[in-house]
Amino acid sequence: MADPDALRTRFARALEGARGPEAAGPDPAPYADRLLARWQEPQRRYHTLTHLTAVLDRIDVIEEHAADPDVVRLAAWFHDAVYLPDRSENEDRSARLAERALPEAGVSAAKTAEVARLVRLTVTHDPADDDPDGQVLCDADLAILAAPPSVYAAYTAAVREEYGFVPPDAFREGRAAVLRQLLDLPRLFRTPYGRTEWEATARYNLAAELEMLST
């Protein structure tokens, strides 16, 4: 279960790390609280505090591959901060939220721009080979694909609930297209850890789900 108090602490550490040791800024708590409120909106079933916690936990596992782990953590906080299942511009709106909030919270223009870039990267989950921060964020976000069977089943059920307004046949067709797109990627995971620990299991889960949707 996600712990809001623990998440507030984690946000404060990431924000202070991104500000730098010499930089002062306002209290992180109000910013954390506003983000926590967004992540608890009623339309969410998968994109919840549990997902946020899982992404942050995975960043902790692979942070050695990042150039600026605290910026990656802030990007995780913002990457689904705006989430309406029936809209296609969620990532851009989330990035714009970061662009407004982070300078006010004491983050430099350069690091704010990097957070926003990383958030927008989660549209494609296709970071460049020379983009370690993008690789860490995208791997952490996609790591659910390598979950054990019961956790993966709960993930797919929650995604279906978020898209409850989509008729069953249309959902199956759309979801199958997403799965094929992922399976066609030469690599799902870009960090050395992700390739070693998550790639094979994720491909197995995706193929199994696609087969189930096709029957």
N, C-alpha and C. Protein backbone atom coordinates (compact mmCIF):
# COMPACT_ATOMS: atom_id res chain seq x y z
N MET A 1 0.84 -1.20 0.00
CA MET A 1 0.00 0.00 0.00
C MET A 1 0.88 1.26 0.00
N ALA A 2 0.42 2.25 -0.71
CA ALA A 2 1.15 3.52 -0.74
C ALA A 2 0.94 4.28 0.56
N ASP A 3 2.00 4.87 1.06
CA ASP A 3 1.97 5.62 2.31
C ASP A 3 2.15 7.10 2.00
N PRO A 4 1.09 7.92 2.09
CA PRO A 4 1.22 9.34 1.74
C PRO A 4 2.29 10.07 2.54
N ASP A 5 2.42 9.74 3.83
CA ASP A 5 3.44 10.42 4.64
C ASP A 5 4.84 10.09 4.13
N ALA A 6 5.07 8.81 3.82
CA ALA A 6 6.37 8.42 3.27
C ALA A 6 6.61 9.08 1.92
N LEU A 7 5.56 9.19 1.12
CA LEU A 7 5.70 9.85 -0.19
C LEU A 7 6.02 11.32 -0.04
N ARG A 8 5.42 11.99 0.94
CA ARG A 8 5.77 13.40 1.18
C ARG A 8 7.26 13.55 1.47
N THR A 9 7.78 12.66 2.29
CA THR A 9 9.20 12.70 2.63
C THR A 9 10.06 12.47 1.38
N ARG A 10 9.64 11.52 0.56
CA ARG A 10 10.40 11.21 -0.66
C ARG A 10 10.37 12.39 -1.63
N PHE A 11 9.22 13.06 -1.73
CA PHE A 11 9.15 14.23 -2.61
C PHE A 11 10.08 15.33 -2.10
N ALA A 12 10.06 15.57 -0.80
CA ALA A 12 10.91 16.63 -0.23
C ALA A 12 12.38 16.35 -0.50
N ARG A 13 12.80 15.10 -0.35
CA ARG A 13 14.20 14.76 -0.62
C ARG A 13 14.56 14.99 -2.08
N ALA A 14 13.67 14.57 -2.99
CA ALA A 14 13.94 14.75 -4.41
C ALA A 14 13.99 16.23 -4.77
N LEU A 15 13.05 17.00 -4.23
CA LEU A 15 13.03 18.43 -4.52
C LEU A 15 14.27 19.11 -4.00
N GLU A 16 14.65 18.79 -2.77
CA GLU A 16 15.85 19.40 -2.19
C GLU A 16 17.10 18.98 -2.95
N GLY A 17 17.13 17.72 -3.40
CA GLY A 17 18.27 17.27 -4.19
C GLY A 17 18.36 17.98 -5.53
N ALA A 18 17.22 18.23 -6.15
CA ALA A 18 17.21 18.93 -7.44
C ALA A 18 17.54 20.41 -7.28
N ARG A 19 17.13 21.00 -6.16
CA ARG A 19 17.48 22.40 -5.91
C ARG A 19 18.99 22.58 -5.75
N GLY A 20 19.62 21.62 -5.10
CA GLY A 20 21.05 21.72 -4.81
C GLY A 20 21.29 22.19 -3.40
N PRO A 21 22.47 21.92 -2.86
CA PRO A 21 22.75 22.20 -1.44
C PRO A 21 22.73 23.68 -1.08
N GLU A 22 23.01 24.54 -2.03
CA GLU A 22 23.08 25.97 -1.73
C GLU A 22 21.76 26.70 -1.97
N ALA A 23 20.82 26.04 -2.62
CA ALA A 23 19.59 26.72 -3.03
C ALA A 23 18.54 26.67 -1.93
N ALA A 24 17.88 27.78 -1.75
CA ALA A 24 16.76 27.83 -0.81
C ALA A 24 15.47 27.81 -1.62
N GLY A 25 14.40 27.43 -0.94
CA GLY A 25 13.11 27.39 -1.62
C GLY A 25 12.01 27.24 -0.61
N PRO A 26 10.77 27.34 -1.06
CA PRO A 26 9.64 27.21 -0.14
C PRO A 26 9.50 25.79 0.39
N ASP A 27 8.67 25.65 1.38
CA ASP A 27 8.38 24.35 2.00
C ASP A 27 7.88 23.39 0.92
N PRO A 28 8.48 22.19 0.82
CA PRO A 28 8.02 21.24 -0.20
C PRO A 28 6.62 20.68 0.07
N ALA A 29 6.16 20.72 1.31
CA ALA A 29 4.93 20.01 1.68
C ALA A 29 3.71 20.41 0.84
N PRO A 30 3.44 21.70 0.63
CA PRO A 30 2.26 22.03 -0.18
C PRO A 30 2.33 21.50 -1.60
N TYR A 31 3.53 21.46 -2.18
CA TYR A 31 3.68 20.92 -3.52
C TYR A 31 3.42 19.42 -3.53
N ALA A 32 3.96 18.74 -2.52
CA ALA A 32 3.70 17.30 -2.40
C ALA A 32 2.22 17.03 -2.23
N ASP A 33 1.56 17.82 -1.38
CA ASP A 33 0.14 17.59 -1.12
C ASP A 33 -0.71 17.79 -2.37
N ARG A 34 -0.37 18.79 -3.17
CA ARG A 34 -1.14 19.01 -4.40
C ARG A 34 -0.95 17.86 -5.38
N LEU A 35 0.27 17.36 -5.47
CA LEU A 35 0.51 16.22 -6.35
C LEU A 35 -0.18 14.96 -5.82
N LEU A 36 -0.10 14.74 -4.51
CA LEU A 36 -0.77 13.57 -3.93
C LEU A 36 -2.27 13.61 -4.20
N ALA A 37 -2.86 14.79 -4.12
CA ALA A 37 -4.30 14.91 -4.40
C ALA A 37 -4.60 14.52 -5.84
N ARG A 38 -3.74 14.93 -6.77
CA ARG A 38 -3.95 14.56 -8.17
C ARG A 38 -3.88 13.05 -8.35
N TRP A 39 -2.89 12.42 -7.71
CA TRP A 39 -2.70 10.98 -7.87
C TRP A 39 -3.81 10.15 -7.20
N GLN A 40 -4.67 10.81 -6.45
CA GLN A 40 -5.77 10.09 -5.78
C GLN A 40 -7.14 10.44 -6.39
N GLU A 41 -7.17 11.00 -7.58
CA GLU A 41 -8.43 11.36 -8.21
C GLU A 41 -9.26 10.12 -8.52
N PRO A 42 -10.60 10.26 -8.52
CA PRO A 42 -11.47 9.07 -8.58
C PRO A 42 -11.44 8.32 -9.90
N GLN A 43 -11.02 8.95 -11.00
CA GLN A 43 -11.02 8.25 -12.28
C GLN A 43 -9.86 7.27 -12.44
N ARG A 44 -8.95 7.28 -11.48
CA ARG A 44 -7.75 6.45 -11.57
C ARG A 44 -7.99 5.06 -10.99
N ARG A 45 -7.49 4.05 -11.70
CA ARG A 45 -7.50 2.69 -11.18
C ARG A 45 -6.10 2.08 -11.17
N TYR A 46 -5.34 2.36 -12.21
CA TYR A 46 -3.94 1.92 -12.25
C TYR A 46 -3.00 3.08 -11.93
N HIS A 47 -3.26 4.25 -12.49
CA HIS A 47 -2.36 5.41 -12.33
C HIS A 47 -2.63 6.09 -10.98
N THR A 48 -2.31 5.38 -9.93
CA THR A 48 -2.62 5.76 -8.55
C THR A 48 -1.33 5.95 -7.76
N LEU A 49 -1.49 6.22 -6.46
CA LEU A 49 -0.32 6.33 -5.59
C LEU A 49 0.48 5.03 -5.56
N THR A 50 -0.18 3.90 -5.74
CA THR A 50 0.54 2.63 -5.78
C THR A 50 1.49 2.59 -6.97
N HIS A 51 1.02 3.06 -8.12
CA HIS A 51 1.88 3.12 -9.30
C HIS A 51 3.02 4.11 -9.08
N LEU A 52 2.72 5.27 -8.54
CA LEU A 52 3.77 6.25 -8.26
C LEU A 52 4.83 5.66 -7.34
N THR A 53 4.40 5.00 -6.27
CA THR A 53 5.33 4.39 -5.33
C THR A 53 6.19 3.34 -6.02
N ALA A 54 5.56 2.53 -6.87
CA ALA A 54 6.31 1.48 -7.57
C ALA A 54 7.37 2.08 -8.49
N VAL A 55 7.02 3.14 -9.21
CA VAL A 55 7.99 3.78 -10.10
C VAL A 55 9.15 4.36 -9.30
N LEU A 56 8.85 5.02 -8.19
CA LEU A 56 9.91 5.57 -7.35
C LEU A 56 10.80 4.46 -6.79
N ASP A 57 10.18 3.35 -6.39
CA ASP A 57 10.96 2.22 -5.86
C ASP A 57 11.91 1.68 -6.92
N ARG A 58 11.43 1.60 -8.15
CA ARG A 58 12.27 1.06 -9.23
C ARG A 58 13.38 2.04 -9.59
N ILE A 59 13.10 3.33 -9.52
CA ILE A 59 14.17 4.31 -9.74
C ILE A 59 15.26 4.12 -8.69
N ASP A 60 14.86 3.85 -7.45
CA ASP A 60 15.86 3.59 -6.40
C ASP A 60 16.75 2.40 -6.77
N VAL A 61 16.15 1.39 -7.42
CA VAL A 61 16.91 0.19 -7.78
C VAL A 61 17.94 0.48 -8.87
N ILE A 62 17.57 1.34 -9.84
CA ILE A 62 18.43 1.55 -11.01
C ILE A 62 19.02 2.97 -11.07
N GLU A 63 19.00 3.69 -9.94
CA GLU A 63 19.45 5.09 -9.96
C GLU A 63 20.91 5.23 -10.36
N GLU A 64 21.72 4.19 -10.19
CA GLU A 64 23.13 4.29 -10.55
C GLU A 64 23.31 4.54 -12.05
N HIS A 65 22.30 4.23 -12.84
CA HIS A 65 22.38 4.43 -14.28
C HIS A 65 21.94 5.84 -14.70
N ALA A 66 21.43 6.62 -13.77
CA ALA A 66 20.94 7.97 -14.08
C ALA A 66 22.05 9.00 -13.93
N ALA A 67 21.95 10.07 -14.72
CA ALA A 67 22.88 11.20 -14.56
C ALA A 67 22.45 12.09 -13.40
N ASP A 68 21.15 12.25 -13.20
CA ASP A 68 20.61 13.10 -12.13
C ASP A 68 19.39 12.41 -11.53
N PRO A 69 19.59 11.49 -10.59
CA PRO A 69 18.48 10.70 -10.07
C PRO A 69 17.35 11.52 -9.47
N ASP A 70 17.67 12.65 -8.83
CA ASP A 70 16.59 13.44 -8.22
C ASP A 70 15.70 14.09 -9.27
N VAL A 71 16.28 14.50 -10.38
CA VAL A 71 15.47 15.02 -11.48
C VAL A 71 14.57 13.92 -12.04
N VAL A 72 15.10 12.71 -12.15
CA VAL A 72 14.29 11.58 -12.60
C VAL A 72 13.15 11.32 -11.62
N ARG A 73 13.43 11.42 -10.33
CA ARG A 73 12.37 11.21 -9.34
C ARG A 73 11.28 12.28 -9.46
N LEU A 74 11.67 13.52 -9.65
CA LEU A 74 10.66 14.57 -9.85
C LEU A 74 9.84 14.30 -11.11
N ALA A 75 10.49 13.82 -12.16
CA ALA A 75 9.75 13.47 -13.38
C ALA A 75 8.75 12.35 -13.10
N ALA A 76 9.12 11.41 -12.26
CA ALA A 76 8.17 10.34 -11.89
C ALA A 76 6.96 10.93 -11.18
N TRP A 77 7.18 11.88 -10.31
CA TRP A 77 6.06 12.52 -9.59
C TRP A 77 5.11 13.21 -10.56
N PHE A 78 5.67 13.81 -11.60
CA PHE A 78 4.83 14.59 -12.52
C PHE A 78 4.33 13.78 -13.72
N HIS A 79 4.87 12.58 -13.97
CA HIS A 79 4.65 11.97 -15.29
C HIS A 79 3.19 11.59 -15.55
N ASP A 80 2.42 11.32 -14.53
CA ASP A 80 0.98 11.08 -14.69
C ASP A 80 0.17 11.98 -13.77
N ALA A 81 0.73 13.14 -13.43
CA ALA A 81 0.04 14.04 -12.50
C ALA A 81 -1.28 14.53 -13.08
N VAL A 82 -1.31 14.70 -14.39
CA VAL A 82 -2.57 14.98 -15.09
C VAL A 82 -2.96 13.69 -15.81
N TYR A 83 -4.09 13.12 -15.43
CA TYR A 83 -4.47 11.84 -16.05
C TYR A 83 -5.98 11.74 -16.19
N LEU A 84 -6.43 11.85 -17.42
CA LEU A 84 -7.82 11.61 -17.78
C LEU A 84 -7.81 10.54 -18.87
N PRO A 85 -8.38 9.36 -18.61
CA PRO A 85 -8.25 8.24 -19.55
C PRO A 85 -8.77 8.53 -20.95
N ASP A 86 -9.71 9.46 -21.08
CA ASP A 86 -10.28 9.74 -22.39
C ASP A 86 -9.57 10.87 -23.13
N ARG A 87 -8.43 11.30 -22.62
CA ARG A 87 -7.67 12.38 -23.26
C ARG A 87 -6.31 11.85 -23.73
N SER A 88 -5.81 12.45 -24.79
CA SER A 88 -4.53 12.01 -25.35
C SER A 88 -3.37 12.93 -24.99
N GLU A 89 -3.67 14.07 -24.35
CA GLU A 89 -2.61 15.04 -24.10
C GLU A 89 -2.15 15.04 -22.64
N ASN A 90 -2.36 13.93 -21.94
CA ASN A 90 -2.04 13.90 -20.50
C ASN A 90 -0.56 14.20 -20.23
N GLU A 91 0.33 13.61 -21.02
CA GLU A 91 1.76 13.80 -20.75
C GLU A 91 2.16 15.25 -20.95
N ASP A 92 1.66 15.87 -22.00
CA ASP A 92 2.01 17.27 -22.23
C ASP A 92 1.45 18.16 -21.14
N ARG A 93 0.24 17.91 -20.72
CA ARG A 93 -0.36 18.70 -19.64
C ARG A 93 0.40 18.47 -18.33
N SER A 94 0.86 17.24 -18.10
CA SER A 94 1.65 16.95 -16.90
C SER A 94 2.98 17.70 -16.96
N ALA A 95 3.60 17.73 -18.13
CA ALA A 95 4.87 18.46 -18.29
C ALA A 95 4.67 19.95 -18.05
N ARG A 96 3.58 20.48 -18.56
CA ARG A 96 3.32 21.91 -18.35
C ARG A 96 3.07 22.22 -16.88
N LEU A 97 2.45 21.30 -16.18
CA LEU A 97 2.28 21.46 -14.73
C LEU A 97 3.64 21.55 -14.05
N ALA A 98 4.56 20.68 -14.43
CA ALA A 98 5.92 20.74 -13.88
C ALA A 98 6.59 22.06 -14.21
N GLU A 99 6.40 22.53 -15.43
CA GLU A 99 7.02 23.80 -15.85
C GLU A 99 6.50 24.99 -15.06
N ARG A 100 5.27 24.89 -14.57
CA ARG A 100 4.73 25.96 -13.72
C ARG A 100 5.16 25.81 -12.27
N ALA A 101 5.11 24.59 -11.75
CA ALA A 101 5.29 24.37 -10.31
C ALA A 101 6.74 24.40 -9.87
N LEU A 102 7.63 23.80 -10.64
CA LEU A 102 8.99 23.60 -10.15
C LEU A 102 9.79 24.89 -10.01
N PRO A 103 9.70 25.85 -10.94
CA PRO A 103 10.44 27.11 -10.70
C PRO A 103 9.96 27.81 -9.42
N GLU A 104 8.66 27.78 -9.19
CA GLU A 104 8.12 28.36 -7.96
C GLU A 104 8.64 27.64 -6.73
N ALA A 105 8.90 26.32 -6.87
CA ALA A 105 9.40 25.52 -5.76
C ALA A 105 10.91 25.62 -5.58
N GLY A 106 11.58 26.42 -6.42
CA GLY A 106 13.01 26.65 -6.24
C GLY A 106 13.92 25.85 -7.13
N VAL A 107 13.37 25.19 -8.16
CA VAL A 107 14.18 24.39 -9.08
C VAL A 107 14.64 25.27 -10.25
N SER A 108 15.87 25.09 -10.66
CA SER A 108 16.44 25.92 -11.73
C SER A 108 15.69 25.70 -13.04
N ALA A 109 15.84 26.67 -13.94
CA ALA A 109 15.19 26.57 -15.24
C ALA A 109 15.68 25.35 -16.01
N ALA A 110 16.98 25.07 -15.92
CA ALA A 110 17.53 23.93 -16.67
C ALA A 110 16.97 22.61 -16.15
N LYS A 111 16.91 22.47 -14.84
CA LYS A 111 16.40 21.20 -14.30
C LYS A 111 14.89 21.08 -14.48
N THR A 112 14.18 22.19 -14.41
CA THR A 112 12.75 22.17 -14.71
C THR A 112 12.51 21.70 -16.13
N ALA A 113 13.29 22.23 -17.07
CA ALA A 113 13.15 21.83 -18.47
C ALA A 113 13.45 20.34 -18.65
N GLU A 114 14.42 19.83 -17.90
CA GLU A 114 14.75 18.40 -17.99
C GLU A 114 13.62 17.54 -17.44
N VAL A 115 13.02 17.95 -16.34
CA VAL A 115 11.87 17.20 -15.81
C VAL A 115 10.76 17.17 -16.85
N ALA A 116 10.46 18.31 -17.43
CA ALA A 116 9.39 18.37 -18.43
C ALA A 116 9.71 17.51 -19.64
N ARG A 117 10.96 17.53 -20.08
CA ARG A 117 11.36 16.67 -21.21
C ARG A 117 11.15 15.20 -20.88
N LEU A 118 11.54 14.80 -19.68
CA LEU A 118 11.39 13.40 -19.27
C LEU A 118 9.92 13.01 -19.21
N VAL A 119 9.08 13.89 -18.69
CA VAL A 119 7.65 13.59 -18.63
C VAL A 119 7.10 13.37 -20.03
N ARG A 120 7.46 14.23 -20.97
CA ARG A 120 6.97 14.08 -22.34
C ARG A 120 7.52 12.82 -23.00
N LEU A 121 8.67 12.35 -22.56
CA LEU A 121 9.26 11.13 -23.12
C LEU A 121 8.40 9.90 -22.83
N THR A 122 7.59 9.96 -21.78
CA THR A 122 6.77 8.80 -21.45
C THR A 122 5.60 8.60 -22.42
N VAL A 123 5.46 9.50 -23.40
CA VAL A 123 4.50 9.23 -24.49
C VAL A 123 4.96 8.02 -25.29
N THR A 124 6.26 7.95 -25.59
CA THR A 124 6.79 6.90 -26.46
C THR A 124 7.60 5.84 -25.71
N HIS A 125 8.10 6.17 -24.53
CA HIS A 125 9.02 5.27 -23.81
C HIS A 125 10.17 4.84 -24.72
N ASP A 126 10.70 5.78 -25.49
CA ASP A 126 11.76 5.45 -26.45
C ASP A 126 12.93 6.41 -26.28
N PRO A 127 13.67 6.29 -25.17
CA PRO A 127 14.79 7.20 -24.93
C PRO A 127 15.97 6.89 -25.85
N ALA A 128 16.75 7.91 -26.12
CA ALA A 128 17.94 7.74 -26.95
C ALA A 128 19.02 6.97 -26.19
N ASP A 129 19.98 6.45 -26.96
CA ASP A 129 21.06 5.68 -26.34
C ASP A 129 21.92 6.54 -25.42
N ASP A 130 21.95 7.86 -25.66
CA ASP A 130 22.76 8.76 -24.84
C ASP A 130 21.90 9.55 -23.86
N ASP A 131 20.80 8.96 -23.43
CA ASP A 131 19.85 9.63 -22.52
C ASP A 131 19.65 8.76 -21.27
N PRO A 132 20.64 8.76 -20.36
CA PRO A 132 20.52 7.86 -19.20
C PRO A 132 19.33 8.18 -18.31
N ASP A 133 19.01 9.47 -18.11
CA ASP A 133 17.87 9.79 -17.26
C ASP A 133 16.56 9.32 -17.91
N GLY A 134 16.44 9.49 -19.21
CA GLY A 134 15.26 8.99 -19.91
C GLY A 134 15.16 7.48 -19.83
N GLN A 135 16.28 6.81 -19.93
CA GLN A 135 16.28 5.35 -19.84
C GLN A 135 15.82 4.89 -18.46
N VAL A 136 16.28 5.55 -17.42
CA VAL A 136 15.89 5.15 -16.06
C VAL A 136 14.40 5.40 -15.83
N LEU A 137 13.90 6.56 -16.23
CA LEU A 137 12.47 6.83 -16.02
C LEU A 137 11.60 5.85 -16.81
N CYS A 138 11.92 5.65 -18.07
CA CYS A 138 11.10 4.76 -18.90
C CYS A 138 11.16 3.32 -18.40
N ASP A 139 12.34 2.86 -18.01
CA ASP A 139 12.44 1.50 -17.48
C ASP A 139 11.63 1.36 -16.20
N ALA A 140 11.71 2.35 -15.33
CA ALA A 140 10.97 2.28 -14.07
C ALA A 140 9.46 2.28 -14.33
N ASP A 141 9.03 3.05 -15.32
CA ASP A 141 7.60 3.14 -15.63
C ASP A 141 7.09 1.84 -16.25
N LEU A 142 7.91 1.19 -17.05
CA LEU A 142 7.50 -0.04 -17.75
C LEU A 142 7.76 -1.31 -16.94
N ALA A 143 8.41 -1.20 -15.80
CA ALA A 143 8.79 -2.40 -15.05
C ALA A 143 7.58 -3.23 -14.61
N ILE A 144 6.40 -2.63 -14.53
CA ILE A 144 5.19 -3.39 -14.20
C ILE A 144 4.99 -4.53 -15.21
N LEU A 145 5.48 -4.36 -16.42
CA LEU A 145 5.32 -5.40 -17.44
C LEU A 145 6.05 -6.68 -17.06
N ALA A 146 7.01 -6.59 -16.16
CA ALA A 146 7.78 -7.75 -15.73
C ALA A 146 7.33 -8.27 -14.37
N ALA A 147 6.12 -7.88 -13.96
CA ALA A 147 5.62 -8.29 -12.65
C ALA A 147 5.27 -9.78 -12.63
N PRO A 148 5.21 -10.38 -11.44
CA PRO A 148 4.71 -11.76 -11.33
C PRO A 148 3.28 -11.86 -11.86
N PRO A 149 2.85 -13.07 -12.23
CA PRO A 149 1.55 -13.22 -12.90
C PRO A 149 0.37 -12.58 -12.19
N SER A 150 0.26 -12.73 -10.88
CA SER A 150 -0.90 -12.18 -10.17
C SER A 150 -0.88 -10.65 -10.17
N VAL A 151 0.30 -10.06 -10.05
CA VAL A 151 0.44 -8.60 -10.08
C VAL A 151 0.17 -8.08 -11.49
N TYR A 152 0.66 -8.80 -12.49
CA TYR A 152 0.41 -8.38 -13.87
C TYR A 152 -1.08 -8.46 -14.18
N ALA A 153 -1.75 -9.49 -13.69
CA ALA A 153 -3.19 -9.62 -13.93
C ALA A 153 -3.95 -8.47 -13.27
N ALA A 154 -3.53 -8.08 -12.07
CA ALA A 154 -4.18 -6.95 -11.39
C ALA A 154 -3.94 -5.65 -12.17
N TYR A 155 -2.74 -5.51 -12.72
CA TYR A 155 -2.43 -4.33 -13.55
C TYR A 155 -3.34 -4.26 -14.77
N THR A 156 -3.47 -5.36 -15.49
CA THR A 156 -4.31 -5.33 -16.69
C THR A 156 -5.77 -5.09 -16.34
N ALA A 157 -6.22 -5.64 -15.21
CA ALA A 157 -7.61 -5.40 -14.78
C ALA A 157 -7.83 -3.93 -14.44
N ALA A 158 -6.84 -3.31 -13.80
CA ALA A 158 -6.97 -1.90 -13.43
C ALA A 158 -6.97 -1.01 -14.67
N VAL A 159 -6.15 -1.35 -15.66
CA VAL A 159 -6.15 -0.60 -16.91
C VAL A 159 -7.52 -0.71 -17.58
N ARG A 160 -8.10 -1.90 -17.58
CA ARG A 160 -9.42 -2.08 -18.19
C ARG A 160 -10.46 -1.22 -17.46
N GLU A 161 -10.36 -1.15 -16.13
CA GLU A 161 -11.30 -0.33 -15.36
C GLU A 161 -11.17 1.15 -15.73
N GLU A 162 -9.93 1.62 -15.91
CA GLU A 162 -9.75 3.02 -16.29
C GLU A 162 -10.41 3.32 -17.64
N TYR A 163 -10.44 2.33 -18.50
CA TYR A 163 -11.05 2.50 -19.82
C TYR A 163 -12.43 1.84 -19.89
N GLY A 164 -13.13 1.90 -18.77
CA GLY A 164 -14.45 1.29 -18.69
C GLY A 164 -15.45 1.88 -19.67
N PHE A 165 -15.20 3.08 -20.14
CA PHE A 165 -16.11 3.74 -21.08
C PHE A 165 -15.92 3.22 -22.51
N VAL A 166 -14.88 2.41 -22.75
CA VAL A 166 -14.62 1.87 -24.08
C VAL A 166 -15.31 0.51 -24.22
N PRO A 167 -16.07 0.28 -25.28
CA PRO A 167 -16.74 -1.02 -25.47
C PRO A 167 -15.72 -2.16 -25.53
N PRO A 168 -16.12 -3.36 -25.10
CA PRO A 168 -15.17 -4.48 -25.01
C PRO A 168 -14.39 -4.77 -26.30
N ASP A 169 -15.07 -4.84 -27.42
CA ASP A 169 -14.36 -5.17 -28.67
C ASP A 169 -13.35 -4.10 -29.03
N ALA A 170 -13.73 -2.85 -28.86
CA ALA A 170 -12.81 -1.75 -29.16
C ALA A 170 -11.62 -1.75 -28.21
N PHE A 171 -11.88 -2.06 -26.94
CA PHE A 171 -10.77 -2.11 -25.99
C PHE A 171 -9.80 -3.22 -26.37
N ARG A 172 -10.33 -4.41 -26.66
CA ARG A 172 -9.45 -5.53 -27.02
C ARG A 172 -8.59 -5.18 -28.24
N GLU A 173 -9.19 -4.54 -29.23
CA GLU A 173 -8.45 -4.17 -30.43
C GLU A 173 -7.37 -3.15 -30.11
N GLY A 174 -7.71 -2.13 -29.31
CA GLY A 174 -6.74 -1.11 -28.96
C GLY A 174 -5.63 -1.63 -28.08
N ARG A 175 -5.99 -2.44 -27.10
CA ARG A 175 -4.99 -3.01 -26.20
C ARG A 175 -4.05 -3.95 -26.96
N ALA A 176 -4.60 -4.75 -27.85
CA ALA A 176 -3.77 -5.65 -28.64
C ALA A 176 -2.77 -4.87 -29.49
N ALA A 177 -3.21 -3.74 -30.03
CA ALA A 177 -2.30 -2.91 -30.83
C ALA A 177 -1.16 -2.38 -29.98
N VAL A 178 -1.47 -1.96 -28.75
CA VAL A 178 -0.43 -1.48 -27.84
C VAL A 178 0.56 -2.61 -27.53
N LEU A 179 0.05 -3.80 -27.26
CA LEU A 179 0.92 -4.93 -26.93
C LEU A 179 1.83 -5.29 -28.11
N ARG A 180 1.27 -5.29 -29.32
CA ARG A 180 2.10 -5.60 -30.49
C ARG A 180 3.18 -4.54 -30.69
N GLN A 181 2.81 -3.28 -30.46
CA GLN A 181 3.79 -2.20 -30.59
C GLN A 181 4.95 -2.39 -29.61
N LEU A 182 4.62 -2.77 -28.39
CA LEU A 182 5.67 -3.01 -27.39
C LEU A 182 6.52 -4.22 -27.78
N LEU A 183 5.87 -5.30 -28.20
CA LEU A 183 6.62 -6.52 -28.55
C LEU A 183 7.51 -6.31 -29.77
N ASP A 184 7.14 -5.36 -30.64
CA ASP A 184 7.94 -5.08 -31.83
C ASP A 184 9.19 -4.26 -31.53
N LEU A 185 9.25 -3.65 -30.36
CA LEU A 185 10.44 -2.89 -30.01
C LEU A 185 11.65 -3.82 -29.90
N PRO A 186 12.80 -3.40 -30.38
CA PRO A 186 13.98 -4.26 -30.24
C PRO A 186 14.35 -4.50 -28.78
N ARG A 187 14.09 -3.52 -27.94
CA ARG A 187 14.32 -3.66 -26.49
C ARG A 187 13.22 -2.90 -25.77
N LEU A 188 12.62 -3.54 -24.78
CA LEU A 188 11.67 -2.84 -23.91
C LEU A 188 12.41 -1.99 -22.89
N PHE A 189 13.53 -2.48 -22.41
CA PHE A 189 14.27 -1.85 -21.32
C PHE A 189 15.65 -1.44 -21.82
N ARG A 190 16.11 -0.28 -21.37
CA ARG A 190 17.35 0.29 -21.90
C ARG A 190 18.50 0.27 -20.90
N THR A 191 18.21 0.22 -19.60
CA THR A 191 19.30 0.15 -18.63
C THR A 191 19.83 -1.29 -18.57
N PRO A 192 21.09 -1.46 -18.20
CA PRO A 192 21.62 -2.83 -18.06
C PRO A 192 20.79 -3.68 -17.10
N TYR A 193 20.36 -3.08 -16.00
CA TYR A 193 19.54 -3.84 -15.03
C TYR A 193 18.22 -4.25 -15.66
N GLY A 194 17.56 -3.32 -16.33
CA GLY A 194 16.28 -3.64 -16.95
C GLY A 194 16.39 -4.74 -17.98
N ARG A 195 17.43 -4.68 -18.80
CA ARG A 195 17.59 -5.70 -19.83
C ARG A 195 17.82 -7.07 -19.21
N THR A 196 18.58 -7.11 -18.11
CA THR A 196 18.91 -8.38 -17.48
C THR A 196 17.77 -8.94 -16.65
N GLU A 197 17.11 -8.05 -15.87
CA GLU A 197 16.17 -8.52 -14.87
C GLU A 197 14.70 -8.48 -15.33
N TRP A 198 14.36 -7.64 -16.29
CA TRP A 198 12.95 -7.41 -16.61
C TRP A 198 12.56 -7.81 -18.02
N GLU A 199 13.47 -7.77 -18.97
CA GLU A 199 13.12 -7.91 -20.39
C GLU A 199 12.39 -9.22 -20.70
N ALA A 200 12.99 -10.35 -20.31
CA ALA A 200 12.42 -11.66 -20.70
C ALA A 200 11.04 -11.86 -20.08
N THR A 201 10.89 -11.53 -18.81
CA THR A 201 9.60 -11.72 -18.14
C THR A 201 8.54 -10.80 -18.74
N ALA A 202 8.92 -9.57 -19.04
CA ALA A 202 7.97 -8.63 -19.63
C ALA A 202 7.47 -9.15 -20.98
N ARG A 203 8.37 -9.65 -21.80
CA ARG A 203 7.96 -10.16 -23.11
C ARG A 203 7.05 -11.37 -22.96
N TYR A 204 7.32 -12.20 -22.00
CA TYR A 204 6.44 -13.35 -21.74
C TYR A 204 5.04 -12.86 -21.35
N ASN A 205 4.97 -11.91 -20.42
CA ASN A 205 3.67 -11.39 -19.97
C ASN A 205 2.90 -10.75 -21.12
N LEU A 206 3.58 -9.94 -21.92
CA LEU A 206 2.93 -9.26 -23.03
C LEU A 206 2.39 -10.26 -24.05
N ALA A 207 3.20 -11.27 -24.38
CA ALA A 207 2.77 -12.27 -25.35
C ALA A 207 1.59 -13.08 -24.83
N ALA A 208 1.62 -13.40 -23.53
CA ALA A 208 0.52 -14.16 -22.94
C ALA A 208 -0.77 -13.34 -22.94
N GLU A 209 -0.68 -12.04 -22.61
CA GLU A 209 -1.87 -11.20 -22.64
C GLU A 209 -2.40 -11.07 -24.06
N LEU A 210 -1.51 -10.89 -25.02
CA LEU A 210 -1.94 -10.76 -26.41
C LEU A 210 -2.65 -12.03 -26.89
N GLU A 211 -2.12 -13.17 -26.51
CA GLU A 211 -2.75 -14.43 -26.88
C GLU A 211 -4.15 -14.54 -26.26
N MET A 212 -4.27 -14.12 -25.00
CA MET A 212 -5.56 -14.19 -24.33
C MET A 212 -6.57 -13.25 -25.00
N LEU A 213 -6.13 -12.07 -25.40
CA LEU A 213 -7.02 -11.13 -26.07
C LEU A 213 -7.47 -11.64 -27.44
N SER A 214 -6.66 -12.49 -28.04
CA SER A 214 -6.94 -12.97 -29.40
C SER A 214 -7.86 -14.18 -29.41
N THR A 215 -8.14 -14.76 -28.24
CA THR A 215 -8.97 -15.96 -28.20
C THR A 215 -10.39 -15.62 -27.77
